[in-house]
Amino acid sequence: MKKQLLVSVMVLIPAISFAKEKVDFGDLISENSRAQSELHSTVKHNLEEARDIAAAAKMRERIVVVENSGVSYNAPTDQELLAFKKERSHHRASEDKQFERLANEISSFEE
C-alpha cells in the first residue's frame, strides 16, 4: 500500500507542476504567424533575386542574317508530315484520281 501511494505521489507531482505552468497559446500562434510571414517574405525576396539573375543571364545580343539575293530554297517535304492527324486518317482521293483508277480497273478487266 505504501508503495502504491509513493508511486501515485511521484506521478502526480510532475503532473501538478506542469498544470501550474500556464501556456499562452495566443503568444505561440502570434509568434508562429510572425515567423511564417518572415519566411514568406524571405522566400519571395530570394525568388525575385533568382528571377533577376536568370533574366540577366539570358539577355544576349540578337543577330539577324538576311540574304538579299532573292533566291528561294525548296526542300522536298513529305505531305504526311505537314498534314493534320485527322486529314491523314480520313484521306480521300480526288475525283479525278478516283475516275482514273476506275478506268484502269475497267480496262484491265476488258483485256
Protein backbone atom coordinates (compact mmCIF):
# COMPACT_ATOMS: atom_id res chain seq x y z
CA MET A 1 0.00 0.00 0.00
CA LYS A 2 2.83 2.36 0.86
CA LYS A 3 4.46 1.52 -2.42
CA GLN A 4 1.30 2.37 -4.40
CA LEU A 5 0.89 5.64 -2.56
CA LEU A 6 4.51 6.53 -3.21
CA VAL A 7 4.17 5.76 -6.94
CA SER A 8 0.98 7.80 -7.23
CA VAL A 9 2.61 10.78 -5.47
CA MET A 10 5.66 10.51 -7.72
CA VAL A 11 3.42 10.57 -10.79
CA LEU A 12 1.18 13.36 -9.56
CA ILE A 13 3.98 15.79 -8.57
CA PRO A 14 5.26 16.35 -12.17
CA ALA A 15 1.68 16.45 -13.49
CA ILE A 16 0.67 19.12 -10.97
CA SER A 17 3.78 21.19 -11.61
CA PHE A 18 3.11 21.03 -15.37
CA ALA A 19 -0.51 22.08 -14.81
CA LYS A 20 0.59 25.11 -12.78
CA GLU A 21 2.70 26.31 -15.67
CA LYS A 22 0.40 28.35 -17.85
CA VAL A 23 0.94 28.06 -21.61
CA ASP A 24 -0.27 31.06 -23.58
CA PHE A 25 -1.40 29.69 -26.92
CA GLY A 26 -2.15 33.16 -28.23
CA ASP A 27 1.55 34.06 -27.94
CA LEU A 28 2.56 30.80 -29.62
CA ILE A 29 0.16 31.42 -32.51
CA SER A 30 1.27 35.03 -32.99
CA GLU A 31 4.95 34.02 -32.85
CA ASN A 32 4.30 31.27 -35.38
CA SER A 33 2.45 33.65 -37.73
CA ARG A 34 5.27 36.22 -37.45
CA ALA A 35 7.85 33.57 -38.29
CA GLN A 36 5.74 32.34 -41.17
CA SER A 37 5.30 35.83 -42.65
CA GLU A 38 9.03 36.49 -42.27
CA LEU A 39 9.81 33.21 -44.03
CA HIS A 40 7.32 34.07 -46.77
CA SER A 41 8.90 37.48 -47.37
CA THR A 42 12.39 35.95 -47.40
CA VAL A 43 11.37 33.33 -49.95
CA LYS A 44 9.66 35.97 -52.09
CA HIS A 45 12.75 38.18 -52.00
CA ASN A 46 15.02 35.24 -52.90
CA LEU A 47 12.71 34.27 -55.76
CA GLU A 48 12.78 37.81 -57.17
CA GLU A 49 16.58 37.86 -56.96
CA ALA A 50 16.80 34.50 -58.73
CA ARG A 51 14.49 35.73 -61.50
CA ASP A 52 16.58 38.87 -61.96
CA ILE A 53 19.77 36.82 -62.17
CA ALA A 54 18.20 34.39 -64.65
CA ALA A 55 16.86 37.25 -66.80
CA ALA A 56 20.27 38.94 -66.82
CA ALA A 57 21.95 35.70 -67.85
CA LYS A 58 19.50 35.10 -70.72
CA MET A 59 19.92 38.55 -72.28
CA ARG A 60 22.20 38.39 -75.27
CA GLU A 61 22.75 40.28 -78.44
CA ARG A 62 20.46 39.28 -81.29
CA ILE A 63 21.90 38.91 -84.74
CA VAL A 64 19.64 38.74 -87.78
CA VAL A 65 21.01 37.37 -91.03
CA VAL A 66 19.18 38.43 -94.19
CA GLU A 67 20.03 37.22 -97.66
CA ASN A 68 19.46 39.81 -100.31
CA SER A 69 19.84 37.65 -103.42
CA GLY A 70 16.13 36.76 -103.67
CA VAL A 71 16.81 33.06 -104.19
CA SER A 72 14.40 30.63 -102.58
CA TYR A 73 15.38 27.21 -101.42
CA ASN A 74 12.82 24.44 -101.78
CA ALA A 75 13.33 21.21 -99.94
CA PRO A 76 11.24 18.15 -100.69
CA THR A 77 8.80 17.55 -97.86
CA ASP A 78 6.55 14.60 -97.23
CA GLN A 79 2.91 15.70 -97.36
CA GLU A 80 2.04 13.36 -94.49
CA LEU A 81 4.42 15.34 -92.31
CA LEU A 82 2.53 18.57 -92.94
CA ALA A 83 -0.99 17.10 -92.71
CA PHE A 84 -3.12 17.11 -89.60
CA LYS A 85 -3.81 13.79 -87.91
CA LYS A 86 -7.49 13.92 -88.94
CA GLU A 87 -6.52 14.57 -92.55
CA ARG A 88 -4.22 11.55 -92.54
CA SER A 89 -6.82 9.20 -91.09
CA HIS A 90 -9.74 10.45 -93.26
CA HIS A 91 -7.85 10.96 -96.53
CA ARG A 92 -9.93 10.64 -99.67
CA ALA A 93 -8.52 10.70 -103.18
CA SER A 94 -9.70 13.43 -105.54
CA GLU A 95 -12.46 12.69 -108.06
CA ASP A 96 -10.05 12.77 -111.00
CA LYS A 97 -7.87 10.13 -109.38
CA GLN A 98 -10.90 8.02 -108.49
CA PHE A 99 -12.17 8.13 -112.11
CA GLU A 100 -8.68 7.31 -113.40
CA ARG A 101 -8.43 4.34 -111.03
CA LEU A 102 -11.89 3.13 -112.10
CA ALA A 103 -10.98 3.46 -115.78
CA ASN A 104 -7.78 1.46 -115.21
CA GLU A 105 -9.73 -1.29 -113.43
CA ILE A 106 -12.32 -1.47 -116.23
CA SER A 107 -9.65 -1.54 -118.91
CA SER A 108 -7.76 -4.28 -117.06
CA PHE A 109 -10.95 -6.44 -116.98
CA GLU A 110 -11.51 -5.95 -120.74
CA GLU A 111 -8.01 -7.12 -121.63
